[in-house]
Amino acid sequence: MRREEAYHLTLDAIAKLQWNVMMILEAKATEAEKIRNWICTHMTNDTYVTHHEQLSTCLQLHEQNIEVIDGLTKLCNGLSRNMKVILNPDNDASDQNMASMFGGMDTGDR
């Protein structure tokens, strides 16, 4: 496989991953809106004795969303590094990074 073909396949895979990340974030935004509506409706001052209990319950409900967003941020940072390697092939270090990204296979032109 030529280097250009490998780059094209990699960029196509990155674009598909970005689309999936967008879909996940959209679903999480919808879920967060539902949680917010539920909290505003059901968690009043009369429900909890102290403000600390009310706050800790809200934080527990949102903890999962925060973990998902953190994981997606790390994924996007990794994708960004790969795209920099592909888009700046003149850099000598980028050839080593591409080789490691493709599992050490030969990415040179044939």
N, C-alpha and C. Protein backbone atom coordinates (compact mmCIF):
# COMPACT_ATOMS: atom_id res chain seq x y z
N MET A 1 0.85 -1.18 0.00
CA MET A 1 0.00 0.00 0.00
C MET A 1 0.89 1.24 0.00
N ARG A 2 0.57 2.15 -0.89
CA ARG A 2 1.34 3.39 -0.95
C ARG A 2 1.03 4.27 0.25
N ARG A 3 1.94 5.17 0.52
CA ARG A 3 1.80 6.08 1.65
C ARG A 3 0.53 6.93 1.53
N GLU A 4 0.26 7.43 0.34
CA GLU A 4 -0.93 8.26 0.15
C GLU A 4 -2.21 7.47 0.43
N GLU A 5 -2.24 6.19 0.00
CA GLU A 5 -3.40 5.36 0.27
C GLU A 5 -3.57 5.12 1.77
N ALA A 6 -2.46 4.90 2.45
CA ALA A 6 -2.52 4.70 3.90
C ALA A 6 -3.02 5.95 4.60
N TYR A 7 -2.52 7.10 4.17
CA TYR A 7 -2.99 8.37 4.74
C TYR A 7 -4.48 8.56 4.49
N HIS A 8 -4.92 8.25 3.27
CA HIS A 8 -6.34 8.42 2.93
C HIS A 8 -7.21 7.50 3.79
N LEU A 9 -6.81 6.26 3.96
CA LEU A 9 -7.57 5.34 4.80
C LEU A 9 -7.61 5.82 6.25
N THR A 10 -6.49 6.32 6.73
CA THR A 10 -6.43 6.81 8.10
C THR A 10 -7.33 8.03 8.29
N LEU A 11 -7.28 8.97 7.36
CA LEU A 11 -8.13 10.15 7.46
C LEU A 11 -9.61 9.78 7.36
N ASP A 12 -9.94 8.80 6.53
CA ASP A 12 -11.32 8.34 6.43
C ASP A 12 -11.78 7.73 7.76
N ALA A 13 -10.92 6.94 8.38
CA ALA A 13 -11.25 6.34 9.67
C ALA A 13 -11.41 7.42 10.75
N ILE A 14 -10.56 8.42 10.73
CA ILE A 14 -10.66 9.52 11.70
C ILE A 14 -11.96 10.28 11.50
N ALA A 15 -12.36 10.50 10.24
CA ALA A 15 -13.62 11.20 9.98
C ALA A 15 -14.81 10.40 10.50
N LYS A 16 -14.78 9.08 10.33
CA LYS A 16 -15.86 8.24 10.83
C LYS A 16 -15.90 8.25 12.36
N LEU A 17 -14.72 8.23 12.98
CA LEU A 17 -14.67 8.31 14.44
C LEU A 17 -15.22 9.64 14.94
N GLN A 18 -14.88 10.73 14.25
CA GLN A 18 -15.39 12.04 14.64
C GLN A 18 -16.91 12.09 14.53
N TRP A 19 -17.46 11.47 13.49
CA TRP A 19 -18.92 11.42 13.33
C TRP A 19 -19.55 10.68 14.51
N ASN A 20 -18.95 9.54 14.89
CA ASN A 20 -19.48 8.77 16.02
C ASN A 20 -19.36 9.53 17.33
N VAL A 21 -18.28 10.27 17.51
CA VAL A 21 -18.12 11.10 18.70
C VAL A 21 -19.22 12.16 18.74
N MET A 22 -19.52 12.75 17.59
CA MET A 22 -20.58 13.74 17.53
C MET A 22 -21.93 13.12 17.91
N MET A 23 -22.19 11.93 17.43
CA MET A 23 -23.45 11.26 17.76
C MET A 23 -23.54 10.95 19.25
N ILE A 24 -22.43 10.53 19.85
CA ILE A 24 -22.41 10.26 21.29
C ILE A 24 -22.67 11.53 22.07
N LEU A 25 -21.99 12.61 21.68
CA LEU A 25 -22.18 13.88 22.38
C LEU A 25 -23.60 14.40 22.25
N GLU A 26 -24.21 14.21 21.09
CA GLU A 26 -25.59 14.63 20.89
C GLU A 26 -26.53 13.84 21.80
N ALA A 27 -26.31 12.53 21.89
CA ALA A 27 -27.13 11.70 22.77
C ALA A 27 -26.92 12.08 24.23
N LYS A 28 -25.70 12.35 24.61
CA LYS A 28 -25.41 12.75 25.99
C LYS A 28 -26.04 14.11 26.31
N ALA A 29 -26.07 15.01 25.35
CA ALA A 29 -26.70 16.31 25.58
C ALA A 29 -28.20 16.14 25.81
N THR A 30 -28.82 15.27 25.04
CA THR A 30 -30.25 14.98 25.24
C THR A 30 -30.49 14.37 26.60
N GLU A 31 -29.63 13.43 26.98
CA GLU A 31 -29.76 12.79 28.29
C GLU A 31 -29.56 13.79 29.42
N ALA A 32 -28.58 14.68 29.27
CA ALA A 32 -28.32 15.69 30.30
C ALA A 32 -29.51 16.63 30.44
N GLU A 33 -30.15 16.97 29.33
CA GLU A 33 -31.34 17.83 29.38
C GLU A 33 -32.48 17.15 30.12
N LYS A 34 -32.66 15.86 29.89
CA LYS A 34 -33.70 15.10 30.60
C LYS A 34 -33.40 15.05 32.11
N ILE A 35 -32.14 14.83 32.44
CA ILE A 35 -31.75 14.79 33.86
C ILE A 35 -31.97 16.16 34.50
N ARG A 36 -31.60 17.21 33.78
CA ARG A 36 -31.81 18.56 34.31
C ARG A 36 -33.29 18.84 34.57
N ASN A 37 -34.13 18.45 33.63
CA ASN A 37 -35.56 18.66 33.81
C ASN A 37 -36.09 17.87 35.01
N TRP A 38 -35.61 16.63 35.16
CA TRP A 38 -36.05 15.81 36.29
C TRP A 38 -35.59 16.43 37.61
N ILE A 39 -34.34 16.88 37.64
CA ILE A 39 -33.80 17.48 38.87
C ILE A 39 -34.59 18.74 39.23
N CYS A 40 -34.86 19.58 38.25
CA CYS A 40 -35.60 20.82 38.53
C CYS A 40 -37.01 20.54 39.02
N THR A 41 -37.60 19.45 38.56
CA THR A 41 -38.97 19.12 38.95
C THR A 41 -39.04 18.39 40.29
N HIS A 42 -38.14 17.44 40.51
CA HIS A 42 -38.26 16.55 41.66
C HIS A 42 -37.35 16.86 42.84
N MET A 43 -36.33 17.64 42.64
CA MET A 43 -35.39 17.89 43.73
C MET A 43 -35.58 19.32 44.25
N THR A 44 -36.52 19.47 45.13
CA THR A 44 -36.80 20.77 45.71
C THR A 44 -36.12 20.89 47.07
N ASN A 45 -36.22 22.06 47.67
CA ASN A 45 -35.64 22.26 49.00
C ASN A 45 -36.30 21.37 50.05
N ASP A 46 -37.56 20.99 49.83
CA ASP A 46 -38.26 20.14 50.78
C ASP A 46 -37.82 18.68 50.71
N THR A 47 -37.21 18.28 49.60
CA THR A 47 -36.80 16.88 49.41
C THR A 47 -35.61 16.53 50.28
N TYR A 48 -34.69 17.44 50.49
CA TYR A 48 -33.46 17.17 51.24
C TYR A 48 -33.37 18.07 52.46
N VAL A 49 -32.74 17.51 53.49
CA VAL A 49 -32.61 18.24 54.74
C VAL A 49 -31.57 19.35 54.60
N THR A 50 -30.42 19.01 54.00
CA THR A 50 -29.36 20.01 53.85
C THR A 50 -29.04 20.24 52.37
N HIS A 51 -28.46 21.38 52.12
CA HIS A 51 -28.06 21.72 50.75
C HIS A 51 -26.96 20.78 50.26
N HIS A 52 -26.10 20.34 51.17
CA HIS A 52 -24.99 19.44 50.82
C HIS A 52 -25.54 18.12 50.26
N GLU A 53 -26.59 17.56 50.85
CA GLU A 53 -27.19 16.32 50.36
C GLU A 53 -27.77 16.51 48.96
N GLN A 54 -28.42 17.64 48.76
CA GLN A 54 -29.01 17.93 47.46
C GLN A 54 -27.92 18.08 46.39
N LEU A 55 -26.85 18.77 46.71
CA LEU A 55 -25.75 18.96 45.78
C LEU A 55 -25.05 17.65 45.46
N SER A 56 -24.80 16.82 46.47
CA SER A 56 -24.10 15.55 46.22
C SER A 56 -24.94 14.61 45.36
N THR A 57 -26.25 14.64 45.51
CA THR A 57 -27.12 13.82 44.67
C THR A 57 -27.05 14.28 43.22
N CYS A 58 -27.09 15.58 43.00
CA CYS A 58 -26.98 16.12 41.63
C CYS A 58 -25.63 15.75 41.01
N LEU A 59 -24.57 15.84 41.78
CA LEU A 59 -23.25 15.51 41.25
C LEU A 59 -23.14 14.03 40.88
N GLN A 60 -23.76 13.16 41.66
CA GLN A 60 -23.75 11.74 41.34
C GLN A 60 -24.47 11.48 40.02
N LEU A 61 -25.56 12.19 39.78
CA LEU A 61 -26.31 12.01 38.54
C LEU A 61 -25.51 12.45 37.32
N HIS A 62 -24.67 13.47 37.47
CA HIS A 62 -23.92 14.01 36.34
C HIS A 62 -22.52 13.41 36.21
N GLU A 63 -22.10 12.60 37.16
CA GLU A 63 -20.74 12.06 37.14
C GLU A 63 -20.49 11.22 35.89
N GLN A 64 -21.46 10.41 35.48
CA GLN A 64 -21.28 9.57 34.30
C GLN A 64 -21.08 10.41 33.05
N ASN A 65 -21.85 11.46 32.89
CA ASN A 65 -21.68 12.33 31.71
C ASN A 65 -20.31 12.97 31.70
N ILE A 66 -19.83 13.38 32.85
CA ILE A 66 -18.51 14.00 32.93
C ILE A 66 -17.42 13.01 32.53
N GLU A 67 -17.55 11.75 32.97
CA GLU A 67 -16.57 10.72 32.60
C GLU A 67 -16.58 10.44 31.11
N VAL A 68 -17.76 10.40 30.50
CA VAL A 68 -17.86 10.17 29.06
C VAL A 68 -17.22 11.32 28.29
N ILE A 69 -17.51 12.54 28.69
CA ILE A 69 -16.94 13.71 28.00
C ILE A 69 -15.43 13.74 28.16
N ASP A 70 -14.93 13.36 29.33
CA ASP A 70 -13.48 13.31 29.55
C ASP A 70 -12.84 12.26 28.64
N GLY A 71 -13.46 11.09 28.54
CA GLY A 71 -12.93 10.05 27.66
C GLY A 71 -12.94 10.46 26.20
N LEU A 72 -14.02 11.11 25.78
CA LEU A 72 -14.10 11.57 24.39
C LEU A 72 -13.09 12.68 24.10
N THR A 73 -12.81 13.50 25.09
CA THR A 73 -11.79 14.54 24.92
C THR A 73 -10.42 13.91 24.71
N LYS A 74 -10.11 12.88 25.48
CA LYS A 74 -8.83 12.18 25.32
C LYS A 74 -8.75 11.52 23.94
N LEU A 75 -9.86 10.92 23.50
CA LEU A 75 -9.90 10.30 22.18
C LEU A 75 -9.65 11.34 21.10
N CYS A 76 -10.30 12.48 21.18
CA CYS A 76 -10.13 13.53 20.18
C CYS A 76 -8.72 14.09 20.18
N ASN A 77 -8.09 14.18 21.33
CA ASN A 77 -6.69 14.63 21.39
C ASN A 77 -5.78 13.65 20.66
N GLY A 78 -6.03 12.35 20.84
CA GLY A 78 -5.24 11.34 20.12
C GLY A 78 -5.46 11.42 18.62
N LEU A 79 -6.70 11.59 18.20
CA LEU A 79 -6.99 11.74 16.78
C LEU A 79 -6.33 12.98 16.21
N SER A 80 -6.31 14.02 16.98
CA SER A 80 -5.68 15.27 16.56
C SER A 80 -4.18 15.08 16.32
N ARG A 81 -3.53 14.34 17.21
CA ARG A 81 -2.09 14.07 17.02
C ARG A 81 -1.86 13.27 15.74
N ASN A 82 -2.72 12.28 15.47
CA ASN A 82 -2.57 11.49 14.25
C ASN A 82 -2.77 12.35 13.01
N MET A 83 -3.73 13.24 13.05
CA MET A 83 -3.97 14.11 11.90
C MET A 83 -2.79 15.05 11.66
N LYS A 84 -2.17 15.53 12.73
CA LYS A 84 -0.99 16.40 12.57
C LYS A 84 0.13 15.65 11.87
N VAL A 85 0.30 14.37 12.19
CA VAL A 85 1.33 13.57 11.56
C VAL A 85 1.03 13.41 10.07
N ILE A 86 -0.23 13.17 9.74
CA ILE A 86 -0.62 12.97 8.34
C ILE A 86 -0.51 14.26 7.54
N LEU A 87 -0.93 15.36 8.13
CA LEU A 87 -0.98 16.62 7.40
C LEU A 87 0.37 17.32 7.31
N ASN A 88 1.35 16.88 8.11
CA ASN A 88 2.68 17.47 8.06
C ASN A 88 3.71 16.36 7.81
N PRO A 89 3.69 15.75 6.62
CA PRO A 89 4.57 14.61 6.36
C PRO A 89 6.03 15.00 6.15
N ASP A 90 6.34 16.27 6.01
CA ASP A 90 7.72 16.69 5.77
C ASP A 90 8.58 16.58 7.01
N ASN A 91 7.97 16.51 8.15
CA ASN A 91 8.69 16.40 9.41
C ASN A 91 9.29 15.01 9.53
N ASP A 92 10.59 14.90 9.82
CA ASP A 92 11.26 13.60 9.92
C ASP A 92 10.65 12.74 11.02
N ALA A 93 10.25 13.35 12.12
CA ALA A 93 9.68 12.59 13.24
C ALA A 93 8.33 12.00 12.86
N SER A 94 7.66 12.62 11.89
CA SER A 94 6.33 12.13 11.52
C SER A 94 6.41 10.74 10.89
N ASP A 95 7.49 10.43 10.18
CA ASP A 95 7.63 9.11 9.59
C ASP A 95 7.70 8.04 10.67
N GLN A 96 8.39 8.32 11.75
CA GLN A 96 8.47 7.38 12.85
C GLN A 96 7.11 7.23 13.52
N ASN A 97 6.39 8.34 13.69
CA ASN A 97 5.06 8.28 14.29
C ASN A 97 4.09 7.50 13.41
N MET A 98 4.16 7.69 12.09
CA MET A 98 3.27 6.96 11.18
C MET A 98 3.58 5.48 11.24
N ALA A 99 4.85 5.13 11.29
CA ALA A 99 5.22 3.72 11.36
C ALA A 99 4.66 3.08 12.62
N SER A 100 4.74 3.79 13.74
CA SER A 100 4.20 3.24 14.98
C SER A 100 2.68 3.21 14.94
N MET A 101 2.05 4.17 14.25
CA MET A 101 0.59 4.20 14.16
C MET A 101 0.08 3.02 13.34
N PHE A 102 0.85 2.59 12.32
CA PHE A 102 0.46 1.46 11.48
C PHE A 102 1.08 0.16 11.98
N GLY A 103 1.54 0.13 13.21
CA GLY A 103 2.07 -1.08 13.78
C GLY A 103 3.43 -1.46 13.25
N GLY A 104 4.20 -0.48 12.79
CA GLY A 104 5.57 -0.74 12.37
C GLY A 104 5.69 -1.22 10.94
N MET A 105 4.59 -1.30 10.18
CA MET A 105 4.69 -1.77 8.81
C MET A 105 5.33 -0.71 7.93
N ASP A 106 5.86 -1.13 6.82
CA ASP A 106 6.52 -0.22 5.90
C ASP A 106 5.49 0.66 5.24
N THR A 107 5.63 1.99 5.39
CA THR A 107 4.69 2.92 4.79
C THR A 107 5.30 3.63 3.58
N GLY A 108 6.47 3.19 3.13
CA GLY A 108 7.14 3.85 2.00
C GLY A 108 6.47 3.53 0.67
N ASP A 109 6.74 4.37 -0.31
CA ASP A 109 6.18 4.16 -1.65
C ASP A 109 6.85 2.96 -2.30
N ARG A 110 6.08 2.26 -3.12
CA ARG A 110 6.65 1.10 -3.81
C ARG A 110 6.58 1.30 -5.29
